C-alpha atoms as a PDB file:
ATOM      1  CA  MET A   1     -10.857   1.593 -24.489  1.00  0.00           C
ATOM      2  CA  GLY A   2     -12.419   4.740 -23.062  1.00  0.00           C
ATOM      3  CA  GLU A   3     -14.357   5.317 -26.286  1.00  0.00           C
ATOM      4  CA  ALA A   4     -16.779   2.489 -25.507  1.00  0.00           C
ATOM      5  CA  LYS A   5     -20.246   3.469 -24.309  1.00  0.00           C
ATOM      6  CA  ARG A   6     -22.558   1.843 -21.809  1.00  0.00           C
ATOM      7  CA  VAL A   7     -25.402   0.049 -23.519  1.00  0.00           C
ATOM      8  CA  SER A   8     -28.416  -1.859 -22.352  1.00  0.00           C
ATOM      9  CA  LEU A   9     -29.365  -5.365 -23.560  1.00  0.00           C
ATOM     10  CA  ARG A  10     -29.866  -8.826 -22.135  1.00  0.00           C
ATOM     11  CA  PHE A  11     -27.411 -11.459 -23.287  1.00  0.00           C
ATOM     12  CA  ALA A  12     -25.141 -14.185 -21.965  1.00  0.00           C
ATOM     13  CA  LEU A  13     -21.397 -14.677 -22.220  1.00  0.00           C
ATOM     14  CA  VAL A  14     -20.183 -18.148 -23.058  1.00  0.00           C
ATOM     15  CA  PHE A  15     -16.717 -19.670 -23.020  1.00  0.00           C
ATOM     16  CA  LEU A  16     -16.081 -22.596 -25.347  1.00  0.00           C
ATOM     17  CA  VAL A  17     -12.544 -23.661 -24.758  1.00  0.00           C
ATOM     18  CA  ALA A  18      -9.919 -26.323 -25.369  1.00  0.00           C
ATOM     19  CA  PHE A  19      -6.488 -26.354 -23.710  1.00  0.00           C
ATOM     20  CA  ILE A  20      -6.711 -22.862 -22.234  1.00  0.00           C
ATOM     21  CA  SER A  21      -6.944 -20.693 -19.134  1.00  0.00           C
ATOM     22  CA  PHE A  22      -8.885 -17.460 -18.742  1.00  0.00           C
ATOM     23  CA  SER A  23      -8.133 -14.540 -16.486  1.00  0.00           C
ATOM     24  CA  HIS A  24      -9.911 -11.430 -17.770  1.00  0.00           C
ATOM     25  CA  LEU A  25     -12.940 -10.359 -19.763  1.00  0.00           C
ATOM     26  CA  ARG A  26     -13.481  -6.672 -20.427  1.00  0.00           C
ATOM     27  CA  ALA A  27     -15.954  -4.485 -22.250  1.00  0.00           C
ATOM     28  CA  SER A  28     -13.976  -1.271 -21.662  1.00  0.00           C
ATOM     29  CA  ASP A  29     -11.745   0.314 -19.041  1.00  0.00           C
ATOM     30  CA  ASP A  30     -13.833   3.375 -18.199  1.00  0.00           C
ATOM     31  CA  ASP A  31     -17.409   2.295 -18.846  1.00  0.00           C
ATOM     32  CA  LYS A  32     -17.740  -1.431 -18.246  1.00  0.00           C
ATOM     33  CA  ILE A  33     -20.737  -3.477 -19.251  1.00  0.00           C
ATOM     34  CA  PHE A  34     -19.194  -6.502 -17.592  1.00  0.00           C
ATOM     35  CA  TYR A  35     -15.841  -7.403 -16.022  1.00  0.00           C
ATOM     36  CA  GLU A  36     -14.608 -10.698 -14.602  1.00  0.00           C
ATOM     37  CA  SER A  37     -11.121 -11.295 -13.217  1.00  0.00           C
ATOM     38  CA  PHE A  38     -11.718 -14.858 -11.968  1.00  0.00           C
ATOM     39  CA  GLU A  39      -9.703 -13.986  -8.882  1.00  0.00           C
ATOM     40  CA  GLU A  40     -12.539 -15.580  -6.924  1.00  0.00           C
ATOM     41  CA  SER A  41     -14.166 -18.942  -7.548  1.00  0.00           C
ATOM     42  CA  PHE A  42     -16.676 -19.036 -10.400  1.00  0.00           C
ATOM     43  CA  GLU A  43     -18.983 -21.453  -8.571  1.00  0.00           C
ATOM     44  CA  GLY A  44     -22.383 -19.951  -7.875  1.00  0.00           C
ATOM     45  CA  ARG A  45     -21.733 -17.092 -10.294  1.00  0.00           C
ATOM     46  CA  TRP A  46     -21.120 -18.908 -13.589  1.00  0.00           C
ATOM     47  CA  ILE A  47     -23.119 -21.898 -14.825  1.00  0.00           C
ATOM     48  CA  VAL A  48     -21.448 -24.917 -16.435  1.00  0.00           C
ATOM     49  CA  SER A  49     -23.258 -26.576 -19.343  1.00  0.00           C
ATOM     50  CA  ASP A  50     -24.752 -29.992 -18.552  1.00  0.00           C
ATOM     51  CA  LYS A  51     -24.751 -31.121 -22.181  1.00  0.00           C
ATOM     52  CA  ASP A  52     -22.887 -34.303 -23.133  1.00  0.00           C
ATOM     53  CA  ASP A  53     -20.648 -32.451 -25.602  1.00  0.00           C
ATOM     54  CA  TYR A  54     -19.118 -30.410 -22.785  1.00  0.00           C
ATOM     55  CA  LYS A  55     -17.727 -32.854 -20.261  1.00  0.00           C
ATOM     56  CA  GLY A  56     -14.555 -30.910 -19.507  1.00  0.00           C
ATOM     57  CA  VAL A  57     -14.207 -29.936 -15.838  1.00  0.00           C
ATOM     58  CA  TRP A  58     -13.310 -26.327 -15.062  1.00  0.00           C
ATOM     59  CA  LYS A  59     -10.861 -25.449 -12.296  1.00  0.00           C
ATOM     60  CA  HIS A  60     -10.279 -22.247 -10.358  1.00  0.00           C
ATOM     61  CA  ALA A  61      -6.524 -22.300  -9.873  1.00  0.00           C
ATOM     62  CA  LYS A  62      -3.201 -20.689 -10.692  1.00  0.00           C
ATOM     63  CA  SER A  63      -1.748 -21.570 -14.060  1.00  0.00           C
ATOM     64  CA  GLU A  64       1.786 -22.907 -14.240  1.00  0.00           C
ATOM     65  CA  GLY A  65       4.345 -20.200 -13.490  1.00  0.00           C
ATOM     66  CA  HIS A  66       1.712 -17.584 -12.571  1.00  0.00           C
ATOM     67  CA  ASP A  67       0.651 -16.160  -9.215  1.00  0.00           C
ATOM     68  CA  GLU A  68      -2.807 -15.025 -10.343  1.00  0.00           C
ATOM     69  CA  TYR A  69      -5.881 -17.207 -10.189  1.00  0.00           C
ATOM     70  CA  GLY A  70      -7.843 -17.889 -13.343  1.00  0.00           C
ATOM     71  CA  LEU A  71     -10.354 -20.189 -14.980  1.00  0.00           C
ATOM     72  CA  LEU A  72      -8.460 -23.273 -16.164  1.00  0.00           C
ATOM     73  CA  VAL A  73      -9.339 -26.390 -18.089  1.00  0.00           C
ATOM     74  CA  SER A  74      -8.335 -29.649 -16.424  1.00  0.00           C
ATOM     75  CA  GLU A  75      -7.775 -32.010 -19.380  1.00  0.00           C
ATOM     76  CA  LYS A  76      -6.702 -31.916 -22.999  1.00  0.00           C
ATOM     77  CA  ALA A  77      -8.904 -32.863 -25.936  1.00  0.00           C
ATOM     78  CA  ARG A  78     -12.188 -32.018 -24.222  1.00  0.00           C
ATOM     79  CA  LYS A  79     -14.822 -29.366 -24.791  1.00  0.00           C
ATOM     80  CA  TYR A  80     -15.715 -26.876 -22.078  1.00  0.00           C
ATOM     81  CA  ALA A  81     -18.607 -24.424 -21.819  1.00  0.00           C
ATOM     82  CA  ILE A  82     -19.529 -22.018 -19.041  1.00  0.00           C
ATOM     83  CA  VAL A  83     -22.206 -19.322 -19.102  1.00  0.00           C
ATOM     84  CA  LYS A  84     -22.733 -15.995 -17.386  1.00  0.00           C
ATOM     85  CA  GLU A  85     -26.134 -14.410 -17.895  1.00  0.00           C
ATOM     86  CA  LEU A  86     -26.121 -10.641 -17.466  1.00  0.00           C
ATOM     87  CA  ASP A  87     -28.799  -8.754 -15.581  1.00  0.00           C
ATOM     88  CA  ASN A  88     -29.301  -6.043 -18.195  1.00  0.00           C
ATOM     89  CA  PRO A  89     -29.678  -6.257 -21.968  1.00  0.00           C
ATOM     90  CA  ALA A  90     -27.165  -4.576 -24.323  1.00  0.00           C
ATOM     91  CA  ILE A  91     -27.942  -2.951 -27.663  1.00  0.00           C
ATOM     92  CA  LEU A  92     -24.834  -3.393 -29.758  1.00  0.00           C
ATOM     93  CA  LYS A  93     -25.889  -0.846 -32.383  1.00  0.00           C
ATOM     94  CA  ASP A  94     -25.532   2.102 -29.984  1.00  0.00           C
ATOM     95  CA  GLY A  95     -22.027   3.549 -29.910  1.00  0.00           C
ATOM     96  CA  THR A  96     -18.753   1.638 -29.789  1.00  0.00           C
ATOM     97  CA  ILE A  97     -18.624  -1.823 -28.219  1.00  0.00           C
ATOM     98  CA  VAL A  98     -15.384  -3.434 -27.020  1.00  0.00           C
ATOM     99  CA  LEU A  99     -15.115  -7.193 -26.461  1.00  0.00           C
ATOM    100  CA  GLN A 100     -11.923  -8.247 -24.713  1.00  0.00           C
ATOM    101  CA  PHE A 101     -10.434 -11.183 -22.853  1.00  0.00           C
ATOM    102  CA  GLU A 102      -7.045 -12.496 -21.807  1.00  0.00           C
ATOM    103  CA  THR A 103      -5.987 -16.102 -22.263  1.00  0.00           C
ATOM    104  CA  ARG A 104      -2.980 -18.383 -22.160  1.00  0.00           C
ATOM    105  CA  PHE A 105      -2.505 -21.702 -23.952  1.00  0.00           C
ATOM    106  CA  GLN A 106      -0.369 -23.537 -21.406  1.00  0.00           C
ATOM    107  CA  ASN A 107       0.610 -26.217 -23.928  1.00  0.00           C
ATOM    108  CA  GLY A 108       0.545 -24.056 -27.040  1.00  0.00           C
ATOM    109  CA  LEU A 109      -2.181 -24.282 -29.684  1.00  0.00           C
ATOM    110  CA  GLU A 110      -2.349 -26.876 -32.450  1.00  0.00           C
ATOM    111  CA  CYS A 111      -6.032 -27.692 -32.775  1.00  0.00           C
ATOM    112  CA  GLY A 112      -8.494 -26.021 -30.452  1.00  0.00           C
ATOM    113  CA  GLY A 113     -10.143 -22.762 -29.595  1.00  0.00           C
ATOM    114  CA  ALA A 114     -10.924 -20.211 -26.923  1.00  0.00           C
ATOM    115  CA  TYR A 115     -13.795 -17.944 -27.729  1.00  0.00           C
ATOM    116  CA  LEU A 116     -16.779 -16.064 -26.375  1.00  0.00           C
ATOM    117  CA  LYS A 117     -20.308 -16.421 -27.646  1.00  0.00           C
ATOM    118  CA  TYR A 118     -22.727 -13.556 -27.055  1.00  0.00           C
ATOM    119  CA  LEU A 119     -26.134 -15.181 -26.932  1.00  0.00           C
ATOM    120  CA  ARG A 120     -29.422 -13.950 -28.298  1.00  0.00           C
ATOM    121  CA  PRO A 121     -32.624 -14.359 -26.248  1.00  0.00           C
ATOM    122  CA  GLN A 122     -33.276 -18.083 -25.925  1.00  0.00           C
ATOM    123  CA  ASP A 123     -36.473 -20.113 -26.131  1.00  0.00           C
ATOM    124  CA  ALA A 124     -38.834 -20.176 -23.175  1.00  0.00           C
ATOM    125  CA  GLY A 125     -37.622 -22.541 -20.472  1.00  0.00           C
ATOM    126  CA  TRP A 126     -33.970 -22.384 -21.567  1.00  0.00           C
ATOM    127  CA  THR A 127     -31.372 -22.204 -18.789  1.00  0.00           C
ATOM    128  CA  PRO A 128     -27.577 -21.742 -18.986  1.00  0.00           C
ATOM    129  CA  LYS A 129     -27.169 -25.449 -18.189  1.00  0.00           C
ATOM    130  CA  ASP A 130     -28.895 -26.164 -21.517  1.00  0.00           C
ATOM    131  CA  PHE A 131     -26.222 -24.394 -23.533  1.00  0.00           C
ATOM    132  CA  ASP A 132     -24.925 -26.293 -26.560  1.00  0.00           C
ATOM    133  CA  SER A 133     -23.637 -25.529 -30.049  1.00  0.00           C
ATOM    134  CA  GLU A 134     -27.201 -24.897 -31.253  1.00  0.00           C
ATOM    135  CA  SER A 135     -27.944 -22.149 -28.719  1.00  0.00           C
ATOM    136  CA  PRO A 136     -28.710 -18.984 -30.741  1.00  0.00           C
ATOM    137  CA  TYR A 137     -26.001 -16.322 -30.626  1.00  0.00           C
ATOM    138  CA  SER A 138     -25.128 -12.982 -32.234  1.00  0.00           C
ATOM    139  CA  ILE A 139     -21.318 -12.822 -32.118  1.00  0.00           C
ATOM    140  CA  MET A 140     -18.570 -15.384 -31.638  1.00  0.00           C
ATOM    141  CA  PHE A 141     -15.131 -13.932 -30.946  1.00  0.00           C
ATOM    142  CA  GLY A 142     -11.775 -15.477 -30.127  1.00  0.00           C
ATOM    143  CA  PRO A 143      -9.005 -17.642 -31.577  1.00  0.00           C
ATOM    144  CA  ASP A 144     -10.133 -20.922 -33.105  1.00  0.00           C
ATOM    145  CA  LYS A 145      -7.493 -22.871 -34.993  1.00  0.00           C
ATOM    146  CA  CYS A 146      -6.986 -26.345 -36.393  1.00  0.00           C
ATOM    147  CA  GLY A 147      -4.106 -26.846 -38.811  1.00  0.00           C
ATOM    148  CA  PRO A 148      -3.935 -24.034 -41.384  1.00  0.00           C
ATOM    149  CA  GLN A 149      -7.547 -22.971 -40.793  1.00  0.00           C
ATOM    150  CA  THR A 150      -8.169 -20.081 -38.403  1.00  0.00           C
ATOM    151  CA  ARG A 151     -11.357 -18.356 -37.335  1.00  0.00           C
ATOM    152  CA  CYS A 152     -11.556 -15.183 -35.309  1.00  0.00           C
ATOM    153  CA  ILE A 153     -15.021 -13.631 -35.407  1.00  0.00           C
ATOM    154  CA  ILE A 154     -18.419 -14.746 -36.683  1.00  0.00           C
ATOM    155  CA  LEU A 155     -21.500 -12.551 -36.902  1.00  0.00           C
ATOM    156  CA  LYS A 156     -24.819 -14.390 -36.956  1.00  0.00           C
ATOM    157  CA  HIS A 157     -27.245 -12.012 -38.622  1.00  0.00           C
ATOM    158  CA  LYS A 158     -30.955 -12.273 -39.377  1.00  0.00           C
ATOM    159  CA  ASN A 159     -31.791 -11.905 -43.053  1.00  0.00           C
ATOM    160  CA  PRO A 160     -34.524  -9.218 -43.131  1.00  0.00           C
ATOM    161  CA  LYS A 161     -36.317 -10.888 -46.053  1.00  0.00           C
ATOM    162  CA  SER A 162     -36.123 -14.597 -45.266  1.00  0.00           C
ATOM    163  CA  GLY A 163     -35.978 -14.288 -41.461  1.00  0.00           C
ATOM    164  CA  GLU A 164     -33.182 -16.882 -41.449  1.00  0.00           C
ATOM    165  CA  TYR A 165     -30.108 -16.416 -39.240  1.00  0.00           C
ATOM    166  CA  ILE A 166     -26.899 -16.787 -41.258  1.00  0.00           C
ATOM    167  CA  GLU A 167     -23.292 -17.066 -40.059  1.00  0.00           C
ATOM    168  CA  HIS A 168     -20.989 -14.492 -41.658  1.00  0.00           C
ATOM    169  CA  HIS A 169     -17.289 -15.330 -41.255  1.00  0.00           C
ATOM    170  CA  LEU A 170     -14.459 -12.812 -41.295  1.00  0.00           C
ATOM    171  CA  LYS A 171     -12.291 -13.393 -44.356  1.00  0.00           C
ATOM    172  CA  PHE A 172      -8.524 -13.626 -43.895  1.00  0.00           C
ATOM    173  CA  PRO A 173      -8.542 -13.477 -40.073  1.00  0.00           C
ATOM    174  CA  PRO A 174      -5.303 -12.583 -38.282  1.00  0.00           C
ATOM    175  CA  SER A 175      -2.972 -15.420 -37.385  1.00  0.00           C
ATOM    176  CA  VAL A 176      -3.299 -16.801 -33.863  1.00  0.00           C
ATOM    177  CA  PRO A 177      -0.249 -16.944 -31.564  1.00  0.00           C
ATOM    178  CA  SER A 178       0.543 -20.603 -30.888  1.00  0.00           C
ATOM    179  CA  ASP A 179       3.045 -20.023 -28.085  1.00  0.00           C
ATOM    180  CA  LYS A 180       2.538 -20.604 -24.342  1.00  0.00           C
ATOM    181  CA  LEU A 181       2.383 -16.911 -23.426  1.00  0.00           C
ATOM    182  CA  THR A 182      -0.555 -14.810 -22.230  1.00  0.00           C
ATOM    183  CA  HIS A 183      -2.311 -12.783 -24.937  1.00  0.00           C
ATOM    184  CA  VAL A 184      -5.136 -10.238 -24.897  1.00  0.00           C
ATOM    185  CA  TYR A 185      -7.729 -10.469 -27.678  1.00  0.00           C
ATOM    186  CA  THR A 186      -9.857  -7.406 -28.442  1.00  0.00           C
ATOM    187  CA  ALA A 187     -12.667  -6.756 -30.916  1.00  0.00           C
ATOM    188  CA  ILE A 188     -13.868  -3.169 -31.362  1.00  0.00           C
ATOM    189  CA  LEU A 189     -17.234  -2.705 -33.061  1.00  0.00           C
ATOM    190  CA  LYS A 190     -17.637   0.921 -34.102  1.00  0.00           C
ATOM    191  CA  PRO A 191     -20.507   2.917 -35.632  1.00  0.00           C
ATOM    192  CA  GLY A 192     -20.462   2.740 -39.407  1.00  0.00           C
ATOM    193  CA  ASN A 193     -20.123  -1.075 -39.301  1.00  0.00           C
ATOM    194  CA  GLU A 194     -16.369  -0.863 -38.700  1.00  0.00           C
ATOM    195  CA  LEU A 195     -14.563  -3.750 -37.009  1.00  0.00           C
ATOM    196  CA  ARG A 196     -11.045  -3.764 -35.570  1.00  0.00           C
ATOM    197  CA  ILE A 197      -9.272  -6.848 -34.200  1.00  0.00           C
ATOM    198  CA  LEU A 198      -6.360  -6.314 -31.800  1.00  0.00           C
ATOM    199  CA  ILE A 199      -3.964  -8.812 -30.249  1.00  0.00           C
ATOM    200  CA  ASP A 200      -1.981  -7.503 -27.281  1.00  0.00           C
ATOM    201  CA  GLY A 201      -3.143  -3.983 -28.126  1.00  0.00           C
ATOM    202  CA  GLU A 202      -1.793  -4.081 -31.689  1.00  0.00           C
ATOM    203  CA  GLU A 203      -4.266  -3.838 -34.553  1.00  0.00           C
ATOM    204  CA  LYS A 204      -4.126  -7.004 -36.654  1.00  0.00           C
ATOM    205  CA  LYS A 205      -7.242  -6.621 -38.787  1.00  0.00           C
ATOM    206  CA  LYS A 206      -9.587  -3.849 -39.875  1.00  0.00           C
ATOM    207  CA  ALA A 207     -12.801  -4.693 -41.683  1.00  0.00           C
ATOM    208  CA  ASN A 208     -16.329  -3.546 -42.453  1.00  0.00           C
ATOM    209  CA  PHE A 209     -19.307  -5.748 -41.702  1.00  0.00           C
ATOM    210  CA  LEU A 210     -21.075  -4.683 -44.905  1.00  0.00           C
ATOM    211  CA  SER A 211     -18.127  -5.272 -47.239  1.00  0.00           C
ATOM    212  CA  SER A 212     -18.160  -8.396 -49.395  1.00  0.00           C
ATOM    213  CA  ASP A 213     -14.351  -8.210 -49.328  1.00  0.00           C
ATOM    214  CA  ASP A 214     -14.340  -8.761 -45.559  1.00  0.00           C
ATOM    215  CA  PHE A 215     -17.146 -11.231 -44.772  1.00  0.00           C
ATOM    216  CA  GLU A 216     -18.306 -14.473 -46.344  1.00  0.00           C
ATOM    217  CA  PRO A 217     -21.111 -14.767 -47.200  1.00  0.00           C
ATOM    218  CA  PRO A 218     -21.600 -10.985 -47.489  1.00  0.00           C
ATOM    219  CA  LEU A 219     -24.302  -9.381 -45.368  1.00  0.00           C
ATOM    220  CA  ILE A 220     -25.477  -7.495 -48.456  1.00  0.00           C
ATOM    221  CA  PRO A 221     -25.938 -10.033 -51.268  1.00  0.00           C
ATOM    222  CA  ALA A 222     -24.859  -9.279 -54.818  1.00  0.00           C
ATOM    223  CA  LYS A 223     -27.464  -7.634 -57.059  1.00  0.00           C
ATOM    224  CA  THR A 224     -27.199 -10.520 -59.505  1.00  0.00           C
ATOM    225  CA  ILE A 225     -26.206 -14.089 -58.793  1.00  0.00           C
ATOM    226  CA  PRO A 226     -25.538 -17.003 -61.165  1.00  0.00           C
ATOM    227  CA  ASP A 227     -28.451 -19.350 -61.783  1.00  0.00           C
ATOM    228  CA  PRO A 228     -27.075 -22.885 -61.281  1.00  0.00           C
ATOM    229  CA  ASP A 229     -29.965 -24.299 -63.331  1.00  0.00           C
ATOM    230  CA  ASP A 230     -29.560 -21.906 -66.251  1.00  0.00           C
ATOM    231  CA  LYS A 231     -28.856 -23.649 -69.585  1.00  0.00           C
ATOM    232  CA  LYS A 232     -28.345 -22.510 -73.166  1.00  0.00           C
ATOM    233  CA  PRO A 233     -31.160 -23.462 -75.538  1.00  0.00           C
ATOM    234  CA  GLU A 234     -30.425 -26.248 -78.001  1.00  0.00           C
ATOM    235  CA  ASP A 235     -30.435 -23.837 -80.966  1.00  0.00           C
ATOM    236  CA  TRP A 236     -27.982 -21.397 -79.301  1.00  0.00           C
ATOM    237  CA  ASP A 237     -25.585 -19.830 -81.860  1.00  0.00           C
ATOM    238  CA  GLU A 238     -22.111 -18.927 -80.520  1.00  0.00           C
ATOM    239  CA  ARG A 239     -21.349 -16.488 -83.381  1.00  0.00           C
ATOM    240  CA  ALA A 240     -20.911 -12.868 -82.250  1.00  0.00           C
ATOM    241  CA  LYS A 241     -22.698 -11.576 -85.386  1.00  0.00           C
ATOM    242  CA  ILE A 242     -25.330 -13.443 -87.315  1.00  0.00           C
ATOM    243  CA  PRO A 243     -26.386 -12.400 -90.874  1.00  0.00           C
ATOM    244  CA  ASP A 244     -30.070 -11.630 -91.252  1.00  0.00           C
ATOM    245  CA  PRO A 245     -31.328 -13.704 -94.210  1.00  0.00           C
ATOM    246  CA  ASN A 246     -34.345 -11.414 -94.561  1.00  0.00           C
ATOM    247  CA  ALA A 247     -32.378  -8.150 -94.656  1.00  0.00           C
ATOM    248  CA  VAL A 248     -32.848  -6.002 -97.827  1.00  0.00           C
ATOM    249  CA  LYS A 249     -31.328  -2.694 -98.869  1.00  0.00           C
ATOM    250  CA  PRO A 250     -33.660   0.316 -98.677  1.00  0.00           C
ATOM    251  CA  ASP A 251     -34.820   1.895-101.938  1.00  0.00           C
ATOM    252  CA  ASP A 252     -32.624   4.988-101.422  1.00  0.00           C
ATOM    253  CA  TRP A 253     -29.462   2.983-100.700  1.00  0.00           C
ATOM    254  CA  ASP A 254     -26.427   4.847-102.114  1.00  0.00           C
ATOM    255  CA  GLU A 255     -23.618   2.361-102.695  1.00  0.00           C
ATOM    256  CA  MET A 256     -21.202   5.014-104.043  1.00  0.00           C
ATOM    257  CA  HIS A 257     -21.692   7.258-101.028  1.00  0.00           C
ATOM    258  CA  LEU A 258     -20.943   4.357 -98.693  1.00  0.00           C
ATOM    259  CA  LEU A 259     -17.805   3.534-100.705  1.00  0.00           C
ATOM    260  CA  LYS A 260     -16.565   7.145-100.416  1.00  0.00           C
ATOM    261  CA  LEU A 261     -17.055   7.069 -96.641  1.00  0.00           C
ATOM    262  CA  LYS A 262     -15.006   3.893 -96.360  1.00  0.00           C
ATOM    263  CA  MET A 263     -12.210   5.416 -98.457  1.00  0.00           C
ATOM    264  CA  LYS A 264     -12.083   8.495 -96.197  1.00  0.00           C
ATOM    265  CA  MET A 265     -11.787   6.281 -93.150  1.00  0.00           C
ATOM    266  CA  LEU A 266      -8.786   4.544 -94.717  1.00  0.00           C
END
């Protein structure tokens, strides 16, 4: 990960998790924007959301069969959210950015998720305790699975014309391991709008943010789009060629010459 560059921007990291434990979050090995091992208690350093949707209680403990401490969830079928607000802003358009974290689903994964949300600047008066699903963000990254549906990364981008923020989902995301082992998830955002998704250091997906083949809806809309209200007029004629009832031959029309041309073509 040494290719990543230090950047400056103000944003917050958010964990939204079900049935999972966290141990690491990395930006890069050589030039870190932020690193958290959770070897020490998160209390006083991370802020837990007070919203009713996130009633899950975090624990700082060792996961089953492991000697390392981590950030663990305490109950199944609950939502959890915890926020870390960074001191300095980061500009994601400068150089290569690496988003990385390590997680373990102690009971496997059937329907749940473990992902990071990188927040945009919030409204005046907002605090990390106010975090909920409506808190504005730029990137969501991490495994999110329920049945056959899987999500991996979402880019929330501002439309330069309408000013509206739109979620752009990665098409055909890589499959998510559903075992009880520890896995490292990495997203590499490179200049030229290139995206690479790695699981345990192995590339599972390569995409381009500006390609309509990779993101839905595409960041660059099609030049023409169907009009859902478009209708054929009542007098529409489906014939490919329609005789002109007012057509007349010119005065110098040479029927014999035209006949000779047709015979040559045969």
